[in-house]
C-alpha cells in the first residue's frame, strides 16, 4: 500500500492508485499467488504509465547502466521496495566485475544515483537513523525490475561487448 501511495502521490489521483492496486492484484491472481509484491506493483505502474523507454536506456553511459543493473538485481534478489546506497554500490561492483570493468568510487556511484533519479529512472529517499546519521535508499518506481534487467543486459551485450 505504501509503495502504491508513493507512486500515485505525485499524480494526486486516487483513481490512479486504485488502478495500480487492481492491476497488481490481477497479476497476482494470474500467478496463483496470495501476496502482492513490489514487482507486481511495478508491472502495474509500467502498464498504466510507462516512463522508462528503451531509447532512454540506450543513451545512458556504461557505468549508469551497470549501476542500474546492480539496483535491479539487488531488488529482485531481496524482493523488496528499496536498496540502500551501500547495497547498490556492492551490486554495482559485482556488475562491473561481470562485464570486466573497473568500478568507480563511492562519490561517483552517488552521482550516478542522483543522475538516474533526475532522469526519472530511479527514485531515492533519505531515512534518518537516529544518531548514526542518514541512509539513502533507491528504488525503481515505474518499471518492473526483471524487465529492466533484461533490457540492460541486452543493451550491454549489443553496445559494449
Protein backbone atom coordinates (compact mmCIF):
# COMPACT_ATOMS: atom_id res chain seq x y z
CA UNK A 1 0.00 0.00 0.00
CA UNK A 2 2.82 2.42 0.86
CA UNK A 3 4.54 1.74 -2.46
CA UNK A 4 1.30 2.36 -4.38
CA UNK A 5 0.88 5.61 -2.44
CA UNK A 6 4.43 6.67 -3.30
CA UNK A 7 3.87 6.04 -6.99
CA UNK A 8 0.41 7.62 -7.16
CA UNK A 9 1.19 10.50 -4.77
CA UNK A 10 2.80 12.88 -7.27
CA UNK A 11 -0.21 12.50 -9.55
CA UNK A 12 -2.58 13.29 -6.66
CA UNK A 13 -5.12 10.93 -8.17
CA UNK A 14 -6.85 8.29 -6.05
CA UNK A 15 -8.19 6.64 -9.22
CA UNK A 16 -4.63 6.04 -10.35
CA UNK A 17 -3.80 4.38 -7.01
CA UNK A 18 -6.89 2.18 -7.29
CA UNK A 19 -5.91 1.26 -10.86
CA UNK A 20 -2.42 0.27 -9.67
CA UNK A 21 -3.85 -1.88 -6.89
CA UNK A 22 -6.34 -3.52 -9.25
CA UNK A 23 -3.70 -4.30 -11.91
CA UNK A 24 -1.23 -5.60 -9.33
CA UNK A 25 -3.98 -7.78 -7.85
CA UNK A 26 -4.90 -9.13 -11.29
CA UNK A 27 -1.29 -10.10 -11.89
CA UNK A 28 -1.11 -11.86 -8.52
CA UNK A 29 -4.30 -13.76 -9.38
CA UNK A 30 -2.81 -14.86 -12.71
CA UNK A 31 0.26 -16.14 -10.87
CA UNK A 32 -1.89 -18.02 -8.34
CA UNK A 33 -0.13 -16.17 -5.58
CA UNK A 34 -1.58 -14.78 -2.38
CA UNK A 35 0.69 -11.81 -1.84
CA UNK A 36 1.13 -8.58 -3.79
CA UNK A 37 4.86 -7.94 -4.08
CA UNK A 38 6.69 -4.76 -5.13
CA UNK A 39 7.42 -6.29 -8.53
CA UNK A 40 3.66 -6.72 -9.11
CA UNK A 41 3.12 -3.01 -8.41
CA UNK A 42 5.99 -2.10 -10.77
CA UNK A 43 4.35 -4.15 -13.54
CA UNK A 44 1.06 -2.40 -12.86
CA UNK A 45 2.68 1.02 -12.97
CA UNK A 46 4.52 0.26 -16.21
CA UNK A 47 1.29 -0.88 -17.82
CA UNK A 48 -0.56 2.32 -16.86
CA UNK A 49 2.14 4.98 -17.41
CA UNK A 50 5.35 3.61 -18.93
CA UNK A 51 8.07 6.09 -18.03
CA UNK A 52 11.34 4.40 -18.91
CA UNK A 53 11.73 3.64 -22.59
CA UNK A 54 14.43 1.66 -24.34
CA UNK A 55 15.74 4.77 -26.14
CA UNK A 56 16.36 6.41 -22.79
CA UNK A 57 18.33 3.38 -21.59
CA UNK A 58 20.39 3.26 -24.79
CA UNK A 59 21.53 6.84 -24.16
CA UNK A 60 22.97 6.01 -20.73
CA UNK A 61 26.70 5.63 -20.18
CA UNK A 62 28.23 2.24 -19.45
CA UNK A 63 28.52 2.91 -15.72
CA UNK A 64 24.99 4.29 -15.40
CA UNK A 65 23.80 1.03 -16.99
CA UNK A 66 25.98 -1.09 -14.70
CA UNK A 67 24.69 0.75 -11.64
CA UNK A 68 21.10 0.34 -12.80
CA UNK A 69 21.75 -3.35 -13.44
CA UNK A 70 23.07 -3.66 -9.89
CA UNK A 71 19.96 -1.97 -8.49
CA UNK A 72 17.62 -4.24 -10.43
CA UNK A 73 19.43 -7.38 -9.36
CA UNK A 74 19.52 -6.30 -5.73
CA UNK A 75 15.79 -5.52 -5.70
CA UNK A 76 14.98 -8.84 -7.39
CA UNK A 77 17.23 -10.82 -5.07
CA UNK A 78 15.66 -9.34 -1.94
CA UNK A 79 12.18 -8.84 -3.47
CA UNK A 80 11.88 -5.52 -1.71
CA UNK A 81 10.98 -1.91 -2.47
CA UNK A 82 14.29 -0.26 -1.68
CA UNK A 83 18.00 -0.95 -1.56
CA UNK A 84 20.41 1.11 0.49
CA UNK A 85 23.14 3.00 -1.32
CA UNK A 86 25.64 0.64 0.30
CA UNK A 87 23.84 -2.39 -1.20
CA UNK A 88 23.52 -0.59 -4.54
CA UNK A 89 27.27 0.06 -4.52
CA UNK A 90 28.02 -3.59 -3.77
CA UNK A 91 25.72 -4.78 -6.56
CA UNK A 92 27.30 -2.24 -8.92
CA UNK A 93 30.77 -3.63 -8.16
CA UNK A 94 29.53 -7.15 -8.98
CA UNK A 95 28.03 -5.93 -12.26
CA UNK A 96 31.33 -4.21 -13.13
CA UNK A 97 33.23 -7.44 -12.46
CA UNK A 98 30.78 -9.40 -14.62
CA UNK A 99 31.36 -7.02 -17.53
CA UNK A 100 35.14 -6.71 -16.94
CA UNK A 101 35.05 -3.06 -15.96
CA UNK A 102 36.70 -1.15 -13.14
CA UNK A 103 34.08 0.17 -10.71
CA UNK A 104 34.05 3.84 -9.84
CA UNK A 105 34.36 5.15 -6.29
CA UNK A 106 31.57 5.87 -3.82
CA UNK A 107 31.29 9.55 -4.74
CA UNK A 108 30.86 8.73 -8.41
CA UNK A 109 28.32 5.98 -7.59
CA UNK A 110 26.36 8.54 -5.59
CA UNK A 111 26.44 10.89 -8.62
CA UNK A 112 25.13 8.09 -10.87
CA UNK A 113 22.24 7.52 -8.46
CA UNK A 114 21.43 11.24 -8.47
CA UNK A 115 21.58 11.34 -12.28
CA UNK A 116 19.22 8.37 -12.59
CA UNK A 117 16.83 9.97 -10.09
CA UNK A 118 16.87 13.26 -12.02
CA UNK A 119 16.05 11.40 -15.23
CA UNK A 120 13.11 9.63 -13.55
CA UNK A 121 14.55 6.12 -13.79
CA UNK A 122 15.27 5.69 -10.07
CA UNK A 123 13.69 7.16 -7.02
CA UNK A 124 15.56 7.78 -3.80
CA UNK A 125 14.58 8.63 -0.28
CA UNK A 126 16.67 9.60 2.72
CA UNK A 127 15.89 7.97 6.04
CA UNK A 128 17.24 9.27 9.35
CA UNK A 129 18.55 6.52 11.55
CA UNK A 130 18.90 8.14 14.95
CA UNK A 131 22.35 9.27 15.98
CA UNK A 132 24.04 7.21 13.25
CA UNK A 133 23.04 9.67 10.56
CA UNK A 134 21.08 9.27 7.39
CA UNK A 135 20.87 6.50 4.83
CA UNK A 136 19.69 6.86 1.25
CA UNK A 137 17.56 4.14 -0.31
CA UNK A 138 16.98 3.68 -4.05
CA UNK A 139 14.03 2.09 -5.84
CA UNK A 140 12.56 1.52 -9.29
CA UNK A 141 9.20 3.24 -9.17
CA UNK A 142 7.86 2.76 -12.67
CA UNK A 143 9.35 -0.32 -14.28
CA UNK A 144 9.49 -3.98 -13.28
CA UNK A 145 12.99 -4.93 -12.19
CA UNK A 146 13.02 -8.14 -14.24
CA UNK A 147 12.10 -6.34 -17.47
CA UNK A 148 14.68 -3.63 -16.80
CA UNK A 149 17.36 -6.22 -16.04
CA UNK A 150 16.71 -7.97 -19.38
CA UNK A 151 16.75 -4.68 -21.31
CA UNK A 152 20.01 -3.54 -19.71
CA UNK A 153 21.72 -6.88 -20.32
CA UNK A 154 20.69 -6.75 -23.97
CA UNK A 155 21.97 -3.17 -24.37
CA UNK A 156 25.25 -4.05 -22.66
CA UNK A 157 25.75 -7.04 -24.97
CA UNK A 158 24.95 -5.06 -28.10
CA UNK A 159 26.66 -1.79 -27.29
CA UNK A 160 29.61 -2.53 -25.04
CA UNK A 161 30.74 -6.11 -25.74
